[in-house]
N, C-alpha and C. Protein backbone atom coordinates (compact mmCIF):
# COMPACT_ATOMS: atom_id res chain seq x y z
N MET A 1 -4.66 12.35 10.72
CA MET A 1 -4.77 12.74 9.37
C MET A 1 -4.57 11.44 8.38
N HIS A 2 -5.32 10.87 7.74
CA HIS A 2 -5.06 9.83 7.00
C HIS A 2 -4.39 10.13 5.59
N ARG A 3 -3.59 9.29 5.09
CA ARG A 3 -2.62 9.43 3.95
C ARG A 3 -2.77 7.90 3.48
N LYS A 4 -2.41 7.85 2.16
CA LYS A 4 -2.20 6.56 1.26
C LYS A 4 -0.83 6.48 0.95
N VAL A 5 -0.46 5.13 1.16
CA VAL A 5 1.00 4.72 0.60
C VAL A 5 0.96 4.74 -1.03
N CYS A 6 2.00 5.46 -1.55
CA CYS A 6 1.89 5.62 -2.92
C CYS A 6 3.28 5.06 -3.53
N SER A 7 3.33 4.95 -4.95
CA SER A 7 4.63 4.61 -5.53
C SER A 7 5.50 5.85 -5.67
N ILE A 8 6.64 5.71 -5.46
CA ILE A 8 7.59 6.68 -5.71
C ILE A 8 8.89 5.94 -6.37
N GLY A 9 8.91 6.00 -7.72
CA GLY A 9 9.88 5.17 -8.36
C GLY A 9 9.86 3.60 -8.02
N ASN A 10 10.87 3.05 -7.64
CA ASN A 10 10.81 1.74 -7.09
C ASN A 10 10.54 1.46 -5.69
N SER A 11 10.06 2.66 -5.02
CA SER A 11 9.82 2.42 -3.62
C SER A 11 8.52 2.97 -3.34
N GLN A 12 8.06 2.99 -2.15
CA GLN A 12 6.67 3.53 -1.85
C GLN A 12 7.09 4.72 -0.68
N GLY A 13 6.08 5.50 -0.74
CA GLY A 13 6.11 6.69 0.17
C GLY A 13 4.88 7.32 0.68
N VAL A 14 4.88 8.12 1.61
CA VAL A 14 3.57 8.95 2.18
C VAL A 14 3.95 10.44 1.84
N SER A 15 2.84 10.97 1.36
CA SER A 15 3.24 12.54 1.34
C SER A 15 3.00 13.21 2.79
N ILE A 16 3.53 14.27 2.99
CA ILE A 16 3.60 14.92 4.33
C ILE A 16 2.75 16.37 3.91
N PRO A 17 1.73 16.75 4.47
CA PRO A 17 0.89 17.82 4.27
C PRO A 17 1.84 19.14 4.59
N ALA A 18 1.42 20.13 3.71
CA ALA A 18 2.41 21.18 3.61
C ALA A 18 2.19 22.09 4.90
N GLU A 19 1.11 21.94 5.68
CA GLU A 19 1.15 22.61 6.94
C GLU A 19 1.96 21.99 7.86
N MET A 20 2.24 20.68 7.98
CA MET A 20 3.17 20.03 8.73
C MET A 20 4.67 20.33 8.51
N LEU A 21 4.90 20.31 7.15
CA LEU A 21 6.23 20.72 6.49
C LEU A 21 6.44 22.15 7.19
N GLU A 22 5.57 23.10 6.90
CA GLU A 22 5.87 24.57 7.45
C GLU A 22 6.14 24.52 8.80
N LYS A 23 5.25 23.92 9.64
CA LYS A 23 5.53 23.92 11.15
C LYS A 23 6.83 23.41 11.58
N LEU A 24 7.46 22.44 10.78
CA LEU A 24 8.67 21.77 11.22
C LEU A 24 9.67 22.43 10.24
N ASP A 25 9.56 23.61 9.57
CA ASP A 25 10.70 24.25 8.75
C ASP A 25 11.30 23.22 7.83
N LEU A 26 10.45 22.43 7.09
CA LEU A 26 11.07 21.45 6.16
C LEU A 26 10.50 21.60 4.73
N SER A 27 11.48 21.39 4.01
CA SER A 27 11.22 21.71 2.33
C SER A 27 11.82 20.59 1.54
N ILE A 28 11.74 20.55 0.50
CA ILE A 28 12.19 19.53 -0.68
C ILE A 28 13.82 19.52 -0.33
N GLY A 29 14.38 18.46 -0.06
CA GLY A 29 15.69 18.29 0.28
C GLY A 29 16.06 18.09 1.57
N SER A 30 15.11 18.52 2.63
CA SER A 30 15.33 18.44 4.01
C SER A 30 15.52 17.14 4.46
N GLU A 31 16.49 16.82 5.36
CA GLU A 31 16.78 15.58 5.79
C GLU A 31 15.86 15.20 6.99
N VAL A 32 15.28 13.87 7.12
CA VAL A 32 14.48 13.43 8.23
C VAL A 32 14.92 11.95 8.58
N ASP A 33 14.90 11.74 9.84
CA ASP A 33 15.23 10.47 10.36
C ASP A 33 13.91 9.61 10.47
N VAL A 34 13.95 8.37 9.88
CA VAL A 34 12.79 7.54 10.01
C VAL A 34 12.89 6.35 10.66
N GLN A 35 12.10 6.05 11.84
CA GLN A 35 12.51 5.04 12.62
C GLN A 35 11.28 4.29 12.98
N PHE A 36 11.33 3.01 13.26
CA PHE A 36 10.06 2.18 13.79
C PHE A 36 10.20 1.84 15.05
N ASP A 37 9.06 2.33 15.81
CA ASP A 37 9.16 2.17 17.26
C ASP A 37 8.30 0.78 17.59
N GLU A 38 9.13 -0.14 17.97
CA GLU A 38 8.52 -1.47 18.12
C GLU A 38 7.56 -1.46 19.37
N LYS A 39 7.87 -0.68 20.30
CA LYS A 39 7.02 -0.90 21.51
C LYS A 39 5.48 -0.25 21.32
N ILE A 40 5.63 0.68 20.40
CA ILE A 40 3.93 1.17 20.10
C ILE A 40 3.67 0.79 18.53
N SER A 41 4.53 0.26 17.86
CA SER A 41 4.20 -0.15 16.42
C SER A 41 3.73 0.96 15.65
N LYS A 42 4.68 2.01 15.53
CA LYS A 42 4.67 3.17 15.09
C LYS A 42 5.79 3.76 14.19
N ILE A 43 5.56 4.37 13.13
CA ILE A 43 6.65 4.86 12.47
C ILE A 43 6.79 6.33 12.65
N VAL A 44 8.08 6.77 13.10
CA VAL A 44 8.53 8.11 13.66
C VAL A 44 9.31 8.68 12.80
N ILE A 45 8.70 9.96 12.40
CA ILE A 45 9.69 10.85 11.32
C ILE A 45 9.90 11.95 11.92
N GLU A 46 11.33 12.35 12.09
CA GLU A 46 11.69 13.50 12.83
C GLU A 46 12.66 14.35 11.96
N PRO A 47 12.68 15.59 11.97
CA PRO A 47 13.63 16.32 11.13
C PRO A 47 15.13 16.11 11.66
N VAL A 48 16.08 16.12 10.73
CA VAL A 48 17.41 16.01 11.12
C VAL A 48 17.96 17.60 11.50
N ARG A 49 18.23 17.82 12.53
CA ARG A 49 18.79 19.22 13.04
C ARG A 49 20.23 19.25 13.07
N ARG A 50 20.88 19.71 12.22
CA ARG A 50 22.40 19.88 12.25
C ARG A 50 22.83 20.81 13.40
N LYS A 51 23.83 20.33 14.15
CA LYS A 51 24.15 21.35 15.31
C LYS A 51 25.15 22.08 14.97
N LYS A 52 25.10 23.31 15.11
CA LYS A 52 26.05 24.33 14.92
C LYS A 52 27.14 24.37 16.14
N TYR A 53 28.31 24.38 15.62
CA TYR A 53 29.34 24.19 16.71
C TYR A 53 30.11 25.70 16.68
N PRO A 54 30.50 25.96 17.79
CA PRO A 54 31.24 27.29 17.98
C PRO A 54 32.57 27.34 16.86
N LYS A 55 32.84 28.77 16.30
CA LYS A 55 33.81 28.72 15.53
C LYS A 55 35.30 27.96 16.10
N GLY A 56 35.74 27.04 15.13
CA GLY A 56 37.01 26.42 15.50
C GLY A 56 36.72 24.80 15.78
N ILE A 57 35.45 24.59 16.10
CA ILE A 57 35.13 23.31 16.37
C ILE A 57 34.30 22.68 15.40
N ASP A 58 34.91 21.39 14.87
CA ASP A 58 34.28 20.88 13.64
C ASP A 58 33.40 19.52 14.07
N ARG A 59 32.94 18.92 13.41
CA ARG A 59 32.09 17.82 13.61
C ARG A 59 33.01 16.77 13.94
N GLU A 60 34.06 16.52 13.36
CA GLU A 60 35.22 15.35 13.64
C GLU A 60 35.48 15.57 15.00
N PHE A 61 35.84 16.85 15.49
CA PHE A 61 36.33 16.90 16.76
C PHE A 61 35.43 16.46 17.83
N VAL A 62 34.12 16.82 17.44
CA VAL A 62 33.02 16.48 18.41
C VAL A 62 32.86 15.06 18.48
N SER A 63 32.95 14.37 17.33
CA SER A 63 32.85 13.00 17.10
C SER A 63 33.91 12.17 18.00
N GLN A 64 35.07 12.68 18.03
CA GLN A 64 36.23 12.11 18.80
C GLN A 64 36.11 12.46 20.23
N VAL A 65 35.57 13.45 20.62
CA VAL A 65 35.19 13.58 21.97
C VAL A 65 34.07 12.79 22.60
N ASN A 66 33.03 12.51 21.68
CA ASN A 66 31.99 11.51 22.22
C ASN A 66 32.56 10.10 22.26
N GLU A 67 33.42 9.74 21.20
CA GLU A 67 33.93 8.33 21.21
C GLU A 67 34.99 8.26 22.55
N PHE A 68 35.48 9.12 23.18
CA PHE A 68 36.50 9.19 24.16
C PHE A 68 35.56 9.00 25.39
N ILE A 69 34.58 9.88 25.49
CA ILE A 69 33.38 9.77 26.62
C ILE A 69 32.91 8.37 26.72
N ALA A 70 32.38 7.79 25.59
CA ALA A 70 31.91 6.56 25.67
C ALA A 70 32.86 5.45 26.19
N LYS A 71 33.99 5.61 25.71
CA LYS A 71 34.97 4.58 25.95
C LYS A 71 35.37 4.44 27.50
N TYR A 72 35.51 5.83 28.02
CA TYR A 72 36.09 5.87 29.57
C TYR A 72 34.72 6.48 30.38
N GLU A 73 33.68 6.12 30.01
CA GLU A 73 32.64 6.67 30.90
C GLU A 73 32.71 6.19 32.17
N SER A 74 32.87 5.18 32.51
CA SER A 74 32.79 4.77 33.80
C SER A 74 33.88 5.41 34.76
N ALA A 75 34.91 5.48 34.20
CA ALA A 75 36.39 6.23 34.79
C ALA A 75 36.07 7.65 35.16
N LEU A 76 35.19 8.19 34.10
CA LEU A 76 34.99 9.70 34.08
C LEU A 76 33.90 9.87 35.22
N LYS A 77 32.99 9.06 35.35
CA LYS A 77 32.01 9.00 36.48
C LYS A 77 32.66 8.98 38.01
N LYS A 78 33.76 8.14 37.96
CA LYS A 78 34.29 7.90 39.26
C LYS A 78 34.99 9.08 39.60
N LEU A 79 35.87 9.86 38.51
CA LEU A 79 36.55 11.07 38.83
C LEU A 79 35.46 12.07 39.21
N ALA A 80 34.34 12.22 38.61
CA ALA A 80 33.48 13.30 39.02
C ALA A 80 33.16 13.26 40.27
N LYS A 81 33.06 12.00 40.87
CA LYS A 81 32.55 11.92 42.12
C LYS A 81 33.71 12.49 43.44
N LYS A 82 34.83 12.22 43.04
CA LYS A 82 36.12 12.87 43.81
C LYS A 82 36.03 14.41 44.08
């Protein structure tokens, strides 16, 4: 589907067809992630889906656990083999 780049204030943008927004469950105010894939020279737009954590677990805790795993990844992999 062809679209034209248009002015939006001091920026430029491309409108997203209503049927695509509906299929992706997006509406005004929804967050999307915009990246440029250099390998294929394409712009990729994906919905940001917030993960819902079990009661008592917040985003900060998950972030700390992920940092721990990244920092000690090789040691954790060695322990997993034992």
